[in-house]
């Protein structure tokens, strides 16, 4: 393993930040998409009643959205963990 100068490490860190998410990060986001979608659905239902008195249909819509969010969180929690590389790890060839 080679020792890198601080200048080179800073340049590599800058390149990492500008290139976008890695494949592992995209996979993690994709894995969490059902939870994200359920959170958006609940938020939409809550926003709809901000300026009016909620009807029974509104209350039912919010309850349904909460149940979907809880189910999505449960499903995500019950998935087997996927190994991910440690954040900030830099491997340089010899």
PDB file of N, CA and C in Angstrom:
ATOM      1  N   UNK A   1       0.856  -1.171   0.000  1.00  0.00           N
ATOM      2  CA  UNK A   1       0.000   0.000   0.000  1.00  0.00           C
ATOM      3  C   UNK A   1       0.899   1.231   0.000  1.00  0.00           C
ATOM      4  N   UNK A   2       0.581   2.195  -0.837  1.00  0.00           N
ATOM      5  CA  UNK A   2       1.376   3.405  -0.932  1.00  0.00           C
ATOM      6  C   UNK A   2       0.846   4.463   0.025  1.00  0.00           C
ATOM      7  N   UNK A   3       1.716   5.305   0.488  1.00  0.00           N
ATOM      8  CA  UNK A   3       1.316   6.431   1.334  1.00  0.00           C
ATOM      9  C   UNK A   3       1.010   7.610   0.421  1.00  0.00           C
ATOM     10  N   UNK A   4      -0.154   8.203   0.595  1.00  0.00           N
ATOM     11  CA  UNK A   4      -0.583   9.311  -0.253  1.00  0.00           C
ATOM     12  C   UNK A   4      -0.415  10.622   0.486  1.00  0.00           C
ATOM     13  N   UNK A   5      -0.081  11.666  -0.237  1.00  0.00           N
ATOM     14  CA  UNK A   5       0.052  12.985   0.380  1.00  0.00           C
ATOM     15  C   UNK A   5      -1.326  13.526   0.727  1.00  0.00           C
ATOM     16  N   UNK A   6      -1.381  14.486   1.638  1.00  0.00           N
ATOM     17  CA  UNK A   6      -2.649  15.098   2.016  1.00  0.00           C
ATOM     18  C   UNK A   6      -3.295  15.790   0.826  1.00  0.00           C
ATOM     19  N   UNK A   7      -2.471  16.372  -0.032  1.00  0.00           N
ATOM     20  CA  UNK A   7      -3.002  17.051  -1.225  1.00  0.00           C
ATOM     21  C   UNK A   7      -3.713  16.045  -2.136  1.00  0.00           C
ATOM     22  N   UNK A   8      -3.107  14.904  -2.343  1.00  0.00           N
ATOM     23  CA  UNK A   8      -3.705  13.879  -3.191  1.00  0.00           C
ATOM     24  C   UNK A   8      -4.967  13.317  -2.543  1.00  0.00           C
ATOM     25  N   UNK A   9      -4.941  13.114  -1.241  1.00  0.00           N
ATOM     26  CA  UNK A   9      -6.129  12.628  -0.543  1.00  0.00           C
ATOM     27  C   UNK A   9      -7.279  13.630  -0.656  1.00  0.00           C
ATOM     28  N   UNK A  10      -6.980  14.922  -0.547  1.00  0.00           N
ATOM     29  CA  UNK A  10      -8.005  15.953  -0.688  1.00  0.00           C
ATOM     30  C   UNK A  10      -8.574  15.944  -2.096  1.00  0.00           C
ATOM     31  N   UNK A  11      -7.725  15.769  -3.093  1.00  0.00           N
ATOM     32  CA  UNK A  11      -8.188  15.714  -4.480  1.00  0.00           C
ATOM     33  C   UNK A  11      -9.066  14.489  -4.707  1.00  0.00           C
ATOM     34  N   UNK A  12      -8.692  13.355  -4.130  1.00  0.00           N
ATOM     35  CA  UNK A  12      -9.504  12.137  -4.260  1.00  0.00           C
ATOM     36  C   UNK A  12     -10.849  12.298  -3.557  1.00  0.00           C
ATOM     37  N   UNK A  13     -10.848  12.936  -2.403  1.00  0.00           N
ATOM     38  CA  UNK A  13     -12.096  13.165  -1.680  1.00  0.00           C
ATOM     39  C   UNK A  13     -13.011  14.086  -2.481  1.00  0.00           C
ATOM     40  N   UNK A  14     -12.434  15.108  -3.107  1.00  0.00           N
ATOM     41  CA  UNK A  14     -13.223  16.020  -3.940  1.00  0.00           C
ATOM     42  C   UNK A  14     -13.807  15.281  -5.132  1.00  0.00           C
ATOM     43  N   UNK A  15     -13.026  14.414  -5.756  1.00  0.00           N
ATOM     44  CA  UNK A  15     -13.512  13.630  -6.893  1.00  0.00           C
ATOM     45  C   UNK A  15     -14.640  12.706  -6.471  1.00  0.00           C
ATOM     46  N   UNK A  16     -14.530  12.113  -5.279  1.00  0.00           N
ATOM     47  CA  UNK A  16     -15.583  11.242  -4.756  1.00  0.00           C
ATOM     48  C   UNK A  16     -16.888  12.001  -4.585  1.00  0.00           C
ATOM     49  N   UNK A  17     -16.813  13.230  -4.111  1.00  0.00           N
ATOM     50  CA  UNK A  17     -18.020  14.012  -3.861  1.00  0.00           C
ATOM     51  C   UNK A  17     -18.687  14.446  -5.149  1.00  0.00           C
ATOM     52  N   UNK A  18     -17.944  14.662  -6.211  1.00  0.00           N
ATOM     53  CA  UNK A  18     -18.519  15.184  -7.443  1.00  0.00           C
ATOM     54  C   UNK A  18     -18.981  14.104  -8.403  1.00  0.00           C
ATOM     55  N   UNK A  19     -18.630  12.876  -8.193  1.00  0.00           N
ATOM     56  CA  UNK A  19     -18.977  11.833  -9.159  1.00  0.00           C
ATOM     57  C   UNK A  19     -20.348  11.233  -8.923  1.00  0.00           C
ATOM     58  N   UNK A  20     -20.991  11.506  -7.821  1.00  0.00           N
ATOM     59  CA  UNK A  20     -22.324  10.968  -7.564  1.00  0.00           C
ATOM     60  C   UNK A  20     -22.275   9.718  -6.717  1.00  0.00           C
ATOM     61  N   UNK A  21     -23.449   9.139  -6.455  1.00  0.00           N
ATOM     62  CA  UNK A  21     -23.497   7.965  -5.585  1.00  0.00           C
ATOM     63  C   UNK A  21     -22.894   6.732  -6.253  1.00  0.00           C
ATOM     64  N   UNK A  22     -22.308   5.901  -5.425  1.00  0.00           N
ATOM     65  CA  UNK A  22     -21.719   4.664  -5.921  1.00  0.00           C
ATOM     66  C   UNK A  22     -22.816   3.631  -6.157  1.00  0.00           C
ATOM     67  N   UNK A  23     -22.430   2.519  -6.720  1.00  0.00           N
ATOM     68  CA  UNK A  23     -23.390   1.442  -6.972  1.00  0.00           C
ATOM     69  C   UNK A  23     -23.955   0.902  -5.651  1.00  0.00           C
ATOM     70  N   UNK A  24     -23.112   0.824  -4.637  1.00  0.00           N
ATOM     71  CA  UNK A  24     -23.577   0.339  -3.334  1.00  0.00           C
ATOM     72  C   UNK A  24     -24.568   1.315  -2.713  1.00  0.00           C
ATOM     73  N   UNK A  25     -24.295   2.617  -2.860  1.00  0.00           N
ATOM     74  CA  UNK A  25     -25.212   3.619  -2.333  1.00  0.00           C
ATOM     75  C   UNK A  25     -26.541   3.591  -3.082  1.00  0.00           C
ATOM     76  N   UNK A  26     -26.485   3.420  -4.388  1.00  0.00           N
ATOM     77  CA  UNK A  26     -27.720   3.324  -5.181  1.00  0.00           C
ATOM     78  C   UNK A  26     -28.513   2.071  -4.805  1.00  0.00           C
ATOM     79  N   UNK A  27     -27.825   0.983  -4.531  1.00  0.00           N
ATOM     80  CA  UNK A  27     -28.504  -0.247  -4.119  1.00  0.00           C
ATOM     81  C   UNK A  27     -29.193  -0.045  -2.771  1.00  0.00           C
ATOM     82  N   UNK A  28     -28.542   0.678  -1.855  1.00  0.00           N
ATOM     83  CA  UNK A  28     -29.144   0.952  -0.548  1.00  0.00           C
ATOM     84  C   UNK A  28     -30.380   1.828  -0.698  1.00  0.00           C
ATOM     85  N   UNK A  29     -30.313   2.820  -1.578  1.00  0.00           N
ATOM     86  CA  UNK A  29     -31.473   3.678  -1.820  1.00  0.00           C
ATOM     87  C   UNK A  29     -32.605   2.864  -2.419  1.00  0.00           C
ATOM     88  N   UNK A  30     -32.280   2.022  -3.388  1.00  0.00           N
ATOM     89  CA  UNK A  30     -33.304   1.180  -4.033  1.00  0.00           C
ATOM     90  C   UNK A  30     -33.957   0.246  -3.018  1.00  0.00           C
ATOM     91  N   UNK A  31     -33.159  -0.237  -2.095  1.00  0.00           N
ATOM     92  CA  UNK A  31     -33.681  -1.132  -1.056  1.00  0.00           C
ATOM     93  C   UNK A  31     -34.668  -0.416  -0.136  1.00  0.00           C
ATOM     94  N   UNK A  32     -34.447   0.873   0.081  1.00  0.00           N
ATOM     95  CA  UNK A  32     -35.301   1.659   0.968  1.00  0.00           C
ATOM     96  C   UNK A  32     -36.463   2.342   0.241  1.00  0.00           C
ATOM     97  N   UNK A  33     -36.585   2.172  -1.070  1.00  0.00           N
ATOM     98  CA  UNK A  33     -37.625   2.862  -1.836  1.00  0.00           C
ATOM     99  C   UNK A  33     -39.044   2.572  -1.343  1.00  0.00           C
ATOM    100  N   UNK A  34     -39.408   1.355  -0.958  1.00  0.00           N
ATOM    101  CA  UNK A  34     -40.771   1.157  -0.442  1.00  0.00           C
ATOM    102  C   UNK A  34     -41.063   2.008   0.795  1.00  0.00           C
ATOM    103  N   UNK A  35     -40.089   2.175   1.663  1.00  0.00           N
ATOM    104  CA  UNK A  35     -40.272   3.007   2.856  1.00  0.00           C
ATOM    105  C   UNK A  35     -40.398   4.478   2.449  1.00  0.00           C
ATOM    106  N   UNK A  36     -39.559   4.897   1.519  1.00  0.00           N
ATOM    107  CA  UNK A  36     -39.612   6.290   1.059  1.00  0.00           C
ATOM    108  C   UNK A  36     -40.961   6.580   0.418  1.00  0.00           C
ATOM    109  N   UNK A  37     -41.432   5.674  -0.429  1.00  0.00           N
ATOM    110  CA  UNK A  37     -42.730   5.869  -1.089  1.00  0.00           C
ATOM    111  C   UNK A  37     -43.870   5.915  -0.073  1.00  0.00           C
ATOM    112  N   UNK A  38     -43.809   5.063   0.941  1.00  0.00           N
ATOM    113  CA  UNK A  38     -44.848   5.055   1.975  1.00  0.00           C
ATOM    114  C   UNK A  38     -44.806   6.346   2.800  1.00  0.00           C
ATOM    115  N   UNK A  39     -43.613   6.857   3.072  1.00  0.00           N
ATOM    116  CA  UNK A  39     -43.502   8.123   3.805  1.00  0.00           C
ATOM    117  C   UNK A  39     -44.085   9.278   2.990  1.00  0.00           C
ATOM    118  N   UNK A  40     -43.840   9.273   1.679  1.00  0.00           N
ATOM    119  CA  UNK A  40     -44.390  10.317   0.808  1.00  0.00           C
ATOM    120  C   UNK A  40     -45.916  10.227   0.781  1.00  0.00           C
ATOM    121  N   UNK A  41     -46.440   9.013   0.712  1.00  0.00           N
ATOM    122  CA  UNK A  41     -47.891   8.828   0.706  1.00  0.00           C
ATOM    123  C   UNK A  41     -48.525   9.359   1.997  1.00  0.00           C
ATOM    124  N   UNK A  42     -47.908   9.064   3.137  1.00  0.00           N
ATOM    125  CA  UNK A  42     -48.422   9.566   4.414  1.00  0.00           C
ATOM    126  C   UNK A  42     -48.336  11.089   4.469  1.00  0.00           C
ATOM    127  N   UNK A  43     -47.225  11.634   4.019  1.00  0.00           N
ATOM    128  CA  UNK A  43     -47.063  13.082   4.009  1.00  0.00           C
ATOM    129  C   UNK A  43     -48.106  13.748   3.112  1.00  0.00           C
ATOM    130  N   UNK A  44     -48.375  13.164   1.953  1.00  0.00           N
ATOM    131  CA  UNK A  44     -49.406  13.707   1.065  1.00  0.00           C
ATOM    132  C   UNK A  44     -50.772  13.705   1.739  1.00  0.00           C
ATOM    133  N   UNK A  45     -51.088  12.626   2.425  1.00  0.00           N
ATOM    134  CA  UNK A  45     -52.380  12.543   3.115  1.00  0.00           C
ATOM    135  C   UNK A  45     -52.475  13.583   4.226  1.00  0.00           C
ATOM    136  N   UNK A  46     -51.375  13.819   4.925  1.00  0.00           N
ATOM    137  CA  UNK A  46     -51.374  14.812   6.001  1.00  0.00           C
ATOM    138  C   UNK A  46     -51.446  16.231   5.451  1.00  0.00           C
ATOM    139  N   UNK A  47     -50.787  16.481   4.329  1.00  0.00           N
ATOM    140  CA  UNK A  47     -50.819  17.811   3.726  1.00  0.00           C
ATOM    141  C   UNK A  47     -52.223  18.157   3.256  1.00  0.00           C
ATOM    142  N   UNK A  48     -52.941  17.168   2.760  1.00  0.00           N
ATOM    143  CA  UNK A  48     -54.282  17.424   2.236  1.00  0.00           C
ATOM    144  C   UNK A  48     -55.227  17.983   3.294  1.00  0.00           C
ATOM    145  N   UNK A  49     -54.995  17.689   4.555  1.00  0.00           N
ATOM    146  CA  UNK A  49     -55.929  18.136   5.596  1.00  0.00           C
ATOM    147  C   UNK A  49     -55.420  19.335   6.389  1.00  0.00           C
ATOM    148  N   UNK A  50     -54.348  19.956   5.941  1.00  0.00           N
ATOM    149  CA  UNK A  50     -53.796  21.088   6.686  1.00  0.00           C
ATOM    150  C   UNK A  50     -54.763  22.264   6.776  1.00  0.00           C
ATOM    151  N   UNK A  51     -55.501  22.526   5.718  1.00  0.00           N
ATOM    152  CA  UNK A  51     -56.332  23.728   5.683  1.00  0.00           C
ATOM    153  C   UNK A  51     -57.827  23.438   5.769  1.00  0.00           C
ATOM    154  N   UNK A  52     -58.171  22.243   6.236  1.00  0.00           N
ATOM    155  CA  UNK A  52     -59.590  21.914   6.387  1.00  0.00           C
ATOM    156  C   UNK A  52     -59.781  20.904   7.505  1.00  0.00           C
ATOM    157  N   UNK A  53     -61.005  20.748   7.891  1.00  0.00           N
ATOM    158  CA  UNK A  53     -61.335  19.757   8.916  1.00  0.00           C
ATOM    159  C   UNK A  53     -61.333  18.381   8.244  1.00  0.00           C
ATOM    160  N   UNK A  54     -60.597  17.430   8.799  1.00  0.00           N
ATOM    161  CA  UNK A  54     -60.522  16.110   8.157  1.00  0.00           C
ATOM    162  C   UNK A  54     -61.876  15.391   8.181  1.00  0.00           C
ATOM    163  N   UNK A  55     -62.208  14.792   7.066  1.00  0.00           N
ATOM    164  CA  UNK A  55     -63.417  13.976   6.984  1.00  0.00           C
ATOM    165  C   UNK A  55     -63.068  12.555   7.398  1.00  0.00           C
ATOM    166  N   UNK A  56     -64.065  11.713   7.462  1.00  0.00           N
ATOM    167  CA  UNK A  56     -63.829  10.306   7.784  1.00  0.00           C
ATOM    168  C   UNK A  56     -62.961   9.656   6.700  1.00  0.00           C
ATOM    169  N   UNK A  57     -63.171  10.053   5.453  1.00  0.00           N
ATOM    170  CA  UNK A  57     -62.354   9.526   4.357  1.00  0.00           C
ATOM    171  C   UNK A  57     -60.885   9.950   4.516  1.00  0.00           C
ATOM    172  N   UNK A  58     -60.652  11.182   4.938  1.00  0.00           N
ATOM    173  CA  UNK A  58     -59.281  11.655   5.186  1.00  0.00           C
ATOM    174  C   UNK A  58     -58.625  10.858   6.307  1.00  0.00           C
ATOM    175  N   UNK A  59     -59.372  10.642   7.370  1.00  0.00           N
ATOM    176  CA  UNK A  59     -58.828   9.872   8.502  1.00  0.00           C
ATOM    177  C   UNK A  59     -58.497   8.449   8.064  1.00  0.00           C
ATOM    178  N   UNK A  60     -59.359   7.874   7.244  1.00  0.00           N
ATOM    179  CA  UNK A  60     -59.116   6.523   6.741  1.00  0.00           C
ATOM    180  C   UNK A  60     -57.879   6.502   5.846  1.00  0.00           C
ATOM    181  N   UNK A  61     -57.715   7.507   5.018  1.00  0.00           N
ATOM    182  CA  UNK A  61     -56.555   7.594   4.131  1.00  0.00           C
ATOM    183  C   UNK A  61     -55.265   7.694   4.950  1.00  0.00           C
ATOM    184  N   UNK A  62     -55.278   8.463   6.022  1.00  0.00           N
ATOM    185  CA  UNK A  62     -54.092   8.600   6.874  1.00  0.00           C
ATOM    186  C   UNK A  62     -53.797   7.291   7.601  1.00  0.00           C
ATOM    187  N   UNK A  63     -54.831   6.646   8.122  1.00  0.00           N
ATOM    188  CA  UNK A  63     -54.610   5.357   8.798  1.00  0.00           C
ATOM    189  C   UNK A  63     -54.019   4.332   7.837  1.00  0.00           C
ATOM    190  N   UNK A  64     -54.544   4.288   6.617  1.00  0.00           N
ATOM    191  CA  UNK A  64     -54.045   3.350   5.614  1.00  0.00           C
ATOM    192  C   UNK A  64     -52.585   3.655   5.275  1.00  0.00           C
ATOM    193  N   UNK A  65     -52.266   4.933   5.125  1.00  0.00           N
ATOM    194  CA  UNK A  65     -50.883   5.321   4.817  1.00  0.00           C
ATOM    195  C   UNK A  65     -49.947   4.964   5.964  1.00  0.00           C
ATOM    196  N   UNK A  66     -50.390   5.152   7.197  1.00  0.00           N
ATOM    197  CA  UNK A  66     -49.557   4.768   8.358  1.00  0.00           C
ATOM    198  C   UNK A  66     -49.318   3.266   8.388  1.00  0.00           C
ATOM    199  N   UNK A  67     -50.372   2.484   8.097  1.00  0.00           N
ATOM    200  CA  UNK A  67     -50.202   1.025   8.080  1.00  0.00           C
ATOM    201  C   UNK A  67     -49.224   0.595   6.987  1.00  0.00           C
ATOM    202  N   UNK A  68     -49.311   1.229   5.821  1.00  0.00           N
ATOM    203  CA  UNK A  68     -48.377   0.896   4.740  1.00  0.00           C
ATOM    204  C   UNK A  68     -46.944   1.260   5.121  1.00  0.00           C
ATOM    205  N   UNK A  69     -46.777   2.394   5.781  1.00  0.00           N
ATOM    206  CA  UNK A  69     -45.440   2.799   6.212  1.00  0.00           C
ATOM    207  C   UNK A  69     -44.881   1.822   7.243  1.00  0.00           C
ATOM    208  N   UNK A  70     -45.699   1.439   8.203  1.00  0.00           N
ATOM    209  CA  UNK A  70     -45.236   0.472   9.209  1.00  0.00           C
ATOM    210  C   UNK A  70     -44.884  -0.863   8.564  1.00  0.00           C
ATOM    211  N   UNK A  71     -45.688  -1.308   7.610  1.00  0.00           N
ATOM    212  CA  UNK A  71     -45.405  -2.571   6.921  1.00  0.00           C
ATOM    213  C   UNK A  71     -44.112  -2.472   6.113  1.00  0.00           C
ATOM    214  N   UNK A  72     -43.898  -1.344   5.443  1.00  0.00           N
ATOM    215  CA  UNK A  72     -42.667  -1.168   4.667  1.00  0.00           C
ATOM    216  C   UNK A  72     -41.448  -1.138   5.582  1.00  0.00           C
ATOM    217  N   UNK A  73     -41.561  -0.464   6.715  1.00  0.00           N
ATOM    218  CA  UNK A  73     -40.446  -0.440   7.675  1.00  0.00           C
ATOM    219  C   UNK A  73     -40.175  -1.830   8.236  1.00  0.00           C
ATOM    220  N   UNK A  74     -41.249  -2.567   8.541  1.00  0.00           N
ATOM    221  CA  UNK A  74     -41.090  -3.926   9.046  1.00  0.00           C
ATOM    222  C   UNK A  74     -40.385  -4.800   8.012  1.00  0.00           C
ATOM    223  N   UNK A  75     -40.829  -4.712   6.755  1.00  0.00           N
ATOM    224  CA  UNK A  75     -40.224  -5.523   5.702  1.00  0.00           C
ATOM    225  C   UNK A  75     -38.747  -5.181   5.515  1.00  0.00           C
ATOM    226  N   UNK A  76     -38.416  -3.896   5.578  1.00  0.00           N
ATOM    227  CA  UNK A  76     -37.024  -3.490   5.442  1.00  0.00           C
ATOM    228  C   UNK A  76     -36.192  -4.002   6.621  1.00  0.00           C
ATOM    229  N   UNK A  77     -36.744  -3.917   7.815  1.00  0.00           N
ATOM    230  CA  UNK A  77     -36.013  -4.379   9.003  1.00  0.00           C
ATOM    231  C   UNK A  77     -35.798  -5.888   8.984  1.00  0.00           C
ATOM    232  N   UNK A  78     -36.708  -6.620   8.351  1.00  0.00           N
ATOM    233  CA  UNK A  78     -36.598  -8.070   8.316  1.00  0.00           C
ATOM    234  C   UNK A  78     -35.765  -8.593   7.159  1.00  0.00           C
ATOM    235  N   UNK A  79     -35.280  -7.720   6.290  1.00  0.00           N
ATOM    236  CA  UNK A  79     -34.413  -8.168   5.205  1.00  0.00           C
ATOM    237  C   UNK A  79     -33.033  -8.473   5.757  1.00  0.00           C
ATOM    238  N   UNK A  80     -32.372  -9.470   5.176  1.00  0.00           N
ATOM    239  CA  UNK A  80     -31.007  -9.744   5.648  1.00  0.00           C
ATOM    240  C   UNK A  80     -30.099  -8.573   5.308  1.00  0.00           C
ATOM    241  N   UNK A  81     -29.157  -8.281   6.189  1.00  0.00           N
ATOM    242  CA  UNK A  81     -28.258  -7.145   5.932  1.00  0.00           C
ATOM    243  C   UNK A  81     -27.366  -7.423   4.733  1.00  0.00           C
ATOM    244  N   UNK A  82     -27.053  -6.362   4.001  1.00  0.00           N
ATOM    245  CA  UNK A  82     -26.134  -6.495   2.873  1.00  0.00           C
ATOM    246  C   UNK A  82     -24.811  -5.865   3.267  1.00  0.00           C
ATOM    247  N   UNK A  83     -23.715  -6.542   2.981  1.00  0.00           N
ATOM    248  CA  UNK A  83     -22.411  -5.980   3.347  1.00  0.00           C
ATOM    249  C   UNK A  83     -22.120  -4.747   2.498  1.00  0.00           C
ATOM    250  N   UNK A  84     -21.670  -3.699   3.148  1.00  0.00           N
ATOM    251  CA  UNK A  84     -21.296  -2.469   2.455  1.00  0.00           C
ATOM    252  C   UNK A  84     -19.905  -2.083   2.883  1.00  0.00           C
ATOM    253  N   UNK A  85     -19.134  -1.514   1.978  1.00  0.00           N
ATOM    254  CA  UNK A  85     -17.790  -1.073   2.371  1.00  0.00           C
ATOM    255  C   UNK A  85     -17.876   0.073   3.353  1.00  0.00           C
ATOM    256  N   UNK A  86     -16.899   0.160   4.221  1.00  0.00           N
ATOM    257  CA  UNK A  86     -16.883   1.210   5.236  1.00  0.00           C
ATOM    258  C   UNK A  86     -16.761   2.572   4.552  1.00  0.00           C
ATOM    259  N   UNK A  87     -17.452   3.555   5.075  1.00  0.00           N
ATOM    260  CA  UNK A  87     -17.423   4.896   4.518  1.00  0.00           C
ATOM    261  C   UNK A  87     -16.030   5.489   4.685  1.00  0.00           C
ATOM    262  N   UNK A  88     -15.539   6.074   3.619  1.00  0.00           N
ATOM    263  CA  UNK A  88     -14.252   6.738   3.705  1.00  0.00           C
ATOM    264  C   UNK A  88     -13.049   5.832   3.496  1.00  0.00           C
ATOM    265  N   UNK A  89     -13.280   4.544   3.287  1.00  0.00           N
ATOM    266  CA  UNK A  89     -12.164   3.625   3.080  1.00  0.00           C
ATOM    267  C   UNK A  89     -11.588   3.885   1.696  1.00  0.00           C
ATOM    268  N   UNK A  90     -10.303   3.974   1.621  1.00  0.00           N
ATOM    269  CA  UNK A  90      -9.629   4.225   0.354  1.00  0.00           C
ATOM    270  C   UNK A  90      -8.587   3.149   0.164  1.00  0.00           C
ATOM    271  N   UNK A  91      -8.706   2.429  -0.924  1.00  0.00           N
ATOM    272  CA  UNK A  91      -7.752   1.374  -1.190  1.00  0.00           C
ATOM    273  C   UNK A  91      -6.926   1.771  -2.412  1.00  0.00           C
ATOM    274  N   UNK A  92      -5.648   1.747  -2.265  1.00  0.00           N
ATOM    275  CA  UNK A  92      -4.759   2.129  -3.332  1.00  0.00           C
ATOM    276  C   UNK A  92      -3.876   0.929  -3.660  1.00  0.00           C
ATOM    277  N   UNK A  93      -3.781   0.613  -4.947  1.00  0.00           N
ATOM    278  CA  UNK A  93      -2.972  -0.531  -5.360  1.00  0.00           C
ATOM    279  C   UNK A  93      -1.488  -0.302  -5.085  1.00  0.00           C
ATOM    280  N   UNK A  94      -0.783  -1.391  -4.884  1.00  0.00           N
ATOM    281  CA  UNK A  94       0.654  -1.296  -4.568  1.00  0.00           C
ATOM    282  C   UNK A  94       1.487  -1.054  -5.787  1.00  0.00           C
TER     283      UNK A  94
END
